[in-house]
Every structure is written in C-alpha cells, then in structure tokens.
Amino acid sequence: MREVNISQLWGRAWYLFKVNWLLFLVLSVSLPSIIVILIPIYILVPILVSLAYILLIPVLVRAGYLVARQGQLSSGEAFGDLSSLLKIFVYELTLLLILWILLRIAPPGWDVLDILVVAGFIILFLSFFVWAAPYYVLSGRAGIFSAIGQSFYLTWRNFSEVFVALLSVIGLLILGLLPLGLGLLMKVPHLILAGGLFYGLWLLVVVSMVSVFLPLLYFALTDEEGVSHAKSLRLG
C-alpha cells in the first residue's frame, strides 16, 4: 500500500484546472450546446444532451489524463487520438452493459424506485473499483478488459487511500448542493434559482478537477514513468 497526500493531490488538480480552465469549459459545454442549437426539438433535447455527455466522457477522461501527465493541453490534443477515445468509449459501454445485465436479473415485482436504488449502488460499487481502468488503457499498460481487473487489484491494494480519495470527490459534489438546499428549505424562489445556477457552475469546476485528480491519484499509486509532479505528491 502506498501513502498519498489527498489534499496535495486536490491542490495540484486545482492548479492544473486553472491553467487549463478554457479547455475544460469548451469540453463541458460545446457539444451539448451545439446539439441544443441545431436541433430545436424540445422533447428530444434532454435525450440528445445526455447522449452528448456520454460521447464527451471519453474526451474529458483523456484530457484530464493528459493534463495530469504533462501539465497543459490544447483542444486539438484532447481530440487527437481517436483510437484511445474509442477504447474509452468501449470501456464505458462495457460498464453500462454490466449494469444492464445486473438490472435484468432483478426479482419480479420491483418498482422503479427499487431499481433506481439498486442501480445507484451498482454504479457506486463499479466506480469505486474500476476508477483507474481508463488510465491503464490510456497508458497502454492494459487492454479494455484487463484494465478493469488491474483497477480492482490497485484499489484493493490501496483500499484506504482510494476510499478517502473517492469520498472526498463525493463530499465536493454534495457541498455544492448546500445553497440549493438552503433555498428549498426556506422556500424562496430566488434562492432556489441562485442555488441551481451555483450548483451548475460548481459541477463544471468540480467535474473538471475530478478528471485531473483521478489520474494524479493513479500516477501516485502506480509510479508510472514520466510523471514527476505526481510522484512528488507521494509521502512514502
């Protein structure tokens, strides 16, 4: 087990986000915005935006990985390697397929709420153990399926470190909900609107930081070569 300084990892992720904020802004809003503008069909827009984000996830994952590895990135580099993006997309579809199979074997009589709760726990479990799989793929150290196994092994070997790291991610996501929760509690429409807008901006920043934080954690735990700034964050 390796010991890493989680707060320093977040500090490094924040610094790299500030250096590359424009890139992350473009990646987060460009494709969904284009779809909304070009296809003004109200009913289809939410579905298409969701599809856009599913397609955008491989780009964001690869961009975060390269930013964590080399410090700065251009938009051209983020979209450059189509084969890597395709591998991450196939990995993403594999996880969705696993989720679909597990939900298909749900006992008869379950209502929608039961299925959603179980699906949430499955997603949380998979996220905890396979978080590092995309980085094994991007580094060329494993294929899509073997990367999942290696991510399980890395997480199990560094269980406490990964647990604290991912708990901090969840904590940051929840923290941004406080203004919205306050508005809902006080039943003040302006506060609710302001809280919703704040959480949207909060998600934009936090998701971008997480896309850098996770590969930094991967580098610190695996000693991947060529990532001196990530190695320096390891304590022992």
Protein backbone atom coordinates (compact mmCIF):
# COMPACT_ATOMS: atom_id res chain seq x y z
CA MET A 1 0.00 0.00 0.00
CA ARG A 2 1.25 3.46 -0.91
CA GLU A 3 0.50 6.53 1.18
CA VAL A 4 -0.51 9.64 -0.74
CA ASN A 5 -1.44 13.13 0.38
CA ILE A 6 -5.02 13.65 -0.83
CA SER A 7 -5.08 17.37 -0.04
CA GLN A 8 -1.93 17.92 -2.12
CA LEU A 9 -3.48 15.97 -4.98
CA TRP A 10 -6.51 18.28 -4.87
CA GLY A 11 -4.20 21.29 -4.71
CA ARG A 12 -2.40 20.08 -7.81
CA ALA A 13 -5.72 19.36 -9.56
CA TRP A 14 -6.94 22.89 -8.76
CA TYR A 15 -3.74 24.41 -10.12
CA LEU A 16 -3.94 22.39 -13.34
CA PHE A 17 -7.61 23.28 -13.74
CA LYS A 18 -6.76 26.99 -13.51
CA VAL A 19 -4.05 26.57 -16.14
CA ASN A 20 -6.45 24.71 -18.48
CA TRP A 21 -9.81 26.24 -17.49
CA LEU A 22 -10.72 27.34 -21.00
CA LEU A 23 -10.16 23.85 -22.41
CA PHE A 24 -12.39 22.26 -19.75
CA LEU A 25 -15.05 24.92 -20.31
CA VAL A 26 -15.10 24.17 -24.04
CA LEU A 27 -15.24 20.41 -23.45
CA SER A 28 -18.04 20.69 -20.90
CA VAL A 29 -20.43 22.91 -22.84
CA SER A 30 -19.54 22.76 -26.54
CA LEU A 31 -21.11 19.54 -27.81
CA PRO A 32 -24.36 19.71 -25.78
CA SER A 33 -24.76 23.39 -26.72
CA ILE A 34 -24.32 22.66 -30.42
CA ILE A 35 -26.97 19.94 -30.25
CA VAL A 36 -29.42 22.21 -28.46
CA ILE A 37 -28.88 24.99 -31.04
CA LEU A 38 -29.00 22.82 -34.16
CA ILE A 39 -31.89 20.57 -33.13
CA PRO A 40 -34.62 22.76 -31.58
CA ILE A 41 -36.96 19.88 -30.74
CA TYR A 42 -37.86 20.32 -27.09
CA ILE A 43 -38.71 16.70 -26.29
CA LEU A 44 -35.55 15.33 -27.88
CA VAL A 45 -33.15 17.90 -26.42
CA PRO A 46 -32.73 16.29 -22.95
CA ILE A 47 -32.09 12.89 -24.57
CA LEU A 48 -29.63 14.33 -27.06
CA VAL A 49 -27.79 16.33 -24.42
CA SER A 50 -27.44 13.17 -22.31
CA LEU A 51 -26.12 11.32 -25.36
CA ALA A 52 -23.70 14.18 -26.00
CA TYR A 53 -22.27 13.89 -22.50
CA ILE A 54 -21.91 10.11 -22.89
CA LEU A 55 -19.92 10.72 -26.07
CA LEU A 56 -17.99 13.53 -24.39
CA ILE A 57 -16.88 11.48 -21.37
CA PRO A 58 -14.01 9.74 -23.25
CA VAL A 59 -12.72 13.15 -24.39
CA LEU A 60 -12.90 14.57 -20.87
CA VAL A 61 -11.23 11.48 -19.37
CA ARG A 62 -8.38 11.60 -21.88
CA ALA A 63 -7.99 15.37 -21.49
CA GLY A 64 -7.78 15.04 -17.71
CA TYR A 65 -5.23 12.25 -18.06
CA LEU A 66 -3.00 14.28 -20.39
CA VAL A 67 -3.31 17.44 -18.29
CA ALA A 68 -2.29 15.46 -15.20
CA ARG A 69 0.60 13.96 -17.13
CA GLN A 70 2.04 16.93 -18.99
CA GLY A 71 0.57 19.98 -17.24
CA GLN A 72 -1.03 21.79 -20.19
CA LEU A 73 -3.13 20.71 -23.14
CA SER A 74 -4.62 22.16 -26.31
CA SER A 75 -8.10 21.34 -27.62
CA GLY A 76 -6.52 19.69 -30.65
CA GLU A 77 -4.59 17.28 -28.43
CA ALA A 78 -7.74 16.46 -26.46
CA PHE A 79 -9.50 15.20 -29.61
CA GLY A 80 -6.33 13.96 -31.32
CA ASP A 81 -6.05 10.22 -30.64
CA LEU A 82 -9.29 8.67 -31.94
CA SER A 83 -8.20 5.12 -31.12
CA SER A 84 -7.76 5.99 -27.43
CA LEU A 85 -11.12 7.76 -27.37
CA LEU A 86 -12.76 4.71 -28.96
CA LYS A 87 -11.22 2.41 -26.34
CA ILE A 88 -12.56 4.57 -23.50
CA PHE A 89 -15.97 4.65 -25.19
CA VAL A 90 -15.99 0.83 -25.46
CA TYR A 91 -14.97 0.61 -21.79
CA GLU A 92 -17.85 2.93 -20.90
CA LEU A 93 -20.30 0.80 -22.89
CA THR A 94 -18.94 -2.32 -21.15
CA LEU A 95 -19.82 -0.85 -17.75
CA LEU A 96 -23.28 0.10 -18.99
CA LEU A 97 -23.74 -3.44 -20.30
CA ILE A 98 -22.74 -4.90 -16.93
CA LEU A 99 -25.22 -2.57 -15.23
CA TRP A 100 -27.97 -3.56 -17.69
CA ILE A 101 -27.34 -7.29 -17.16
CA LEU A 102 -27.44 -6.91 -13.37
CA LEU A 103 -30.69 -4.96 -13.55
CA ARG A 104 -32.24 -7.51 -15.92
CA ILE A 105 -31.90 -10.21 -13.29
CA ALA A 106 -33.79 -8.07 -10.74
CA PRO A 107 -36.54 -10.01 -8.92
CA PRO A 108 -40.05 -9.61 -10.41
CA GLY A 109 -42.25 -7.14 -8.60
CA TRP A 110 -39.58 -4.47 -8.10
CA ASP A 111 -40.85 -0.95 -8.78
CA VAL A 112 -38.92 1.85 -10.46
CA LEU A 113 -37.63 3.24 -7.16
CA ASP A 114 -36.18 -0.14 -6.14
CA ILE A 115 -34.43 -0.47 -9.49
CA LEU A 116 -33.02 3.07 -9.29
CA VAL A 117 -31.69 2.49 -5.77
CA VAL A 118 -30.03 -0.79 -6.76
CA ALA A 119 -28.66 0.81 -9.93
CA GLY A 120 -27.19 3.62 -7.82
CA PHE A 121 -25.41 1.17 -5.52
CA ILE A 122 -24.08 -0.81 -8.51
CA ILE A 123 -22.76 2.35 -10.16
CA LEU A 124 -21.16 3.42 -6.86
CA PHE A 125 -19.54 -0.01 -6.45
CA LEU A 126 -18.24 -0.11 -10.01
CA SER A 127 -16.98 3.48 -9.77
CA PHE A 128 -15.05 2.63 -6.62
CA PHE A 129 -13.25 -0.39 -8.04
CA VAL A 130 -12.82 0.44 -11.73
CA TRP A 131 -11.97 4.16 -11.50
CA ALA A 132 -8.39 3.52 -12.67
CA ALA A 133 -9.26 1.33 -15.67
CA PRO A 134 -9.34 4.17 -18.25
CA TYR A 135 -5.86 5.28 -17.20
CA TYR A 136 -4.43 1.78 -17.61
CA VAL A 137 -5.90 1.83 -21.14
CA LEU A 138 -4.61 5.32 -21.96
CA SER A 139 -1.13 4.50 -20.68
CA GLY A 140 -1.02 1.41 -22.88
CA ARG A 141 -0.39 -0.87 -19.91
CA ALA A 142 -3.56 -2.91 -20.36
CA GLY A 143 -6.42 -3.65 -22.73
CA ILE A 144 -10.01 -2.72 -22.01
CA PHE A 145 -10.98 -5.84 -20.07
CA SER A 146 -7.65 -6.49 -18.35
CA ALA A 147 -7.65 -2.83 -17.24
CA ILE A 148 -10.80 -3.48 -15.21
CA GLY A 149 -9.05 -6.33 -13.39
CA GLN A 150 -5.94 -4.24 -12.77
CA SER A 151 -8.08 -1.40 -11.42
CA PHE A 152 -9.73 -3.83 -8.97
CA TYR A 153 -6.28 -5.01 -7.84
CA LEU A 154 -4.90 -1.45 -7.49
CA THR A 155 -7.94 -0.38 -5.46
CA TRP A 156 -7.81 -3.44 -3.20
CA ARG A 157 -4.08 -2.99 -2.59
CA ASN A 158 -4.55 0.70 -1.72
CA PHE A 159 -8.07 0.45 -0.31
CA SER A 160 -7.86 3.14 2.38
CA GLU A 161 -6.17 5.67 0.09
CA VAL A 162 -8.68 5.18 -2.71
CA PHE A 163 -11.61 5.20 -0.26
CA VAL A 164 -10.58 8.56 1.20
CA ALA A 165 -9.91 9.99 -2.28
CA LEU A 166 -13.28 8.98 -3.70
CA LEU A 167 -15.05 10.02 -0.50
CA SER A 168 -13.56 13.49 -1.00
CA VAL A 169 -14.98 13.54 -4.54
CA ILE A 170 -18.46 12.72 -3.24
CA GLY A 171 -18.05 15.33 -0.49
CA LEU A 172 -17.25 18.05 -3.00
CA LEU A 173 -20.26 17.14 -5.15
CA ILE A 174 -22.55 17.29 -2.11
CA LEU A 175 -21.00 20.54 -0.84
CA GLY A 176 -22.20 22.39 -3.91
CA LEU A 177 -25.80 21.44 -3.10
CA LEU A 178 -25.86 23.42 0.15
CA PRO A 179 -27.04 26.75 -1.36
CA LEU A 180 -29.77 24.95 -3.33
CA GLY A 181 -30.81 23.02 -0.23
CA LEU A 182 -31.00 26.25 1.74
CA GLY A 183 -33.25 27.79 -0.90
CA LEU A 184 -35.54 24.74 -0.90
CA LEU A 185 -35.67 24.73 2.89
CA MET A 186 -36.60 28.41 3.08
CA LYS A 187 -38.91 28.09 0.05
CA VAL A 188 -37.52 31.28 -1.53
CA PRO A 189 -37.72 31.10 -5.37
CA HIS A 190 -34.81 33.49 -5.93
CA LEU A 191 -32.58 31.45 -3.61
CA ILE A 192 -33.63 28.24 -5.33
CA LEU A 193 -32.77 29.71 -8.75
CA ALA A 194 -29.46 31.11 -7.49
CA GLY A 195 -28.66 27.79 -5.80
CA GLY A 196 -29.39 25.89 -9.02
CA LEU A 197 -27.19 28.19 -11.07
CA PHE A 198 -24.43 27.97 -8.48
CA TYR A 199 -24.56 24.16 -8.50
CA GLY A 200 -24.32 24.13 -12.29
CA LEU A 201 -21.14 26.21 -12.14
CA TRP A 202 -19.90 24.16 -9.20
CA LEU A 203 -20.34 20.94 -11.18
CA LEU A 204 -18.48 22.44 -14.13
CA VAL A 205 -15.47 23.17 -11.94
CA VAL A 206 -15.58 20.03 -9.76
CA VAL A 207 -16.08 17.57 -12.64
CA SER A 208 -13.16 19.16 -14.49
CA MET A 209 -10.99 18.96 -11.36
CA VAL A 210 -12.01 15.33 -10.79
CA SER A 211 -10.96 14.48 -14.35
CA VAL A 212 -7.44 15.63 -13.36
CA PHE A 213 -7.49 14.46 -9.74
CA LEU A 214 -8.16 10.79 -10.56
CA PRO A 215 -5.23 10.35 -12.99
CA LEU A 216 -2.99 12.17 -10.48
CA LEU A 217 -4.08 9.57 -7.91
CA TYR A 218 -3.40 6.81 -10.44
CA PHE A 219 0.09 8.17 -11.17
CA ALA A 220 0.90 8.43 -7.46
CA LEU A 221 -0.24 4.86 -6.76
CA THR A 222 1.34 3.18 -9.79
CA ASP A 223 4.65 5.04 -10.19
CA GLU A 224 4.03 5.43 -13.90
CA GLU A 225 7.15 6.81 -15.52
CA GLY A 226 7.42 10.38 -16.72
CA VAL A 227 5.04 11.98 -14.23
CA SER A 228 7.40 13.72 -11.85
CA HIS A 229 4.86 16.14 -10.41
CA ALA A 230 2.54 13.28 -9.41
CA LYS A 231 5.38 11.31 -7.84
CA SER A 232 6.31 14.27 -5.72
CA LEU A 233 2.89 14.12 -4.07
CA ARG A 234 3.54 10.67 -2.63
CA LEU A 235 4.55 10.69 1.01
CA GLY A 236 6.36 7.43 1.33
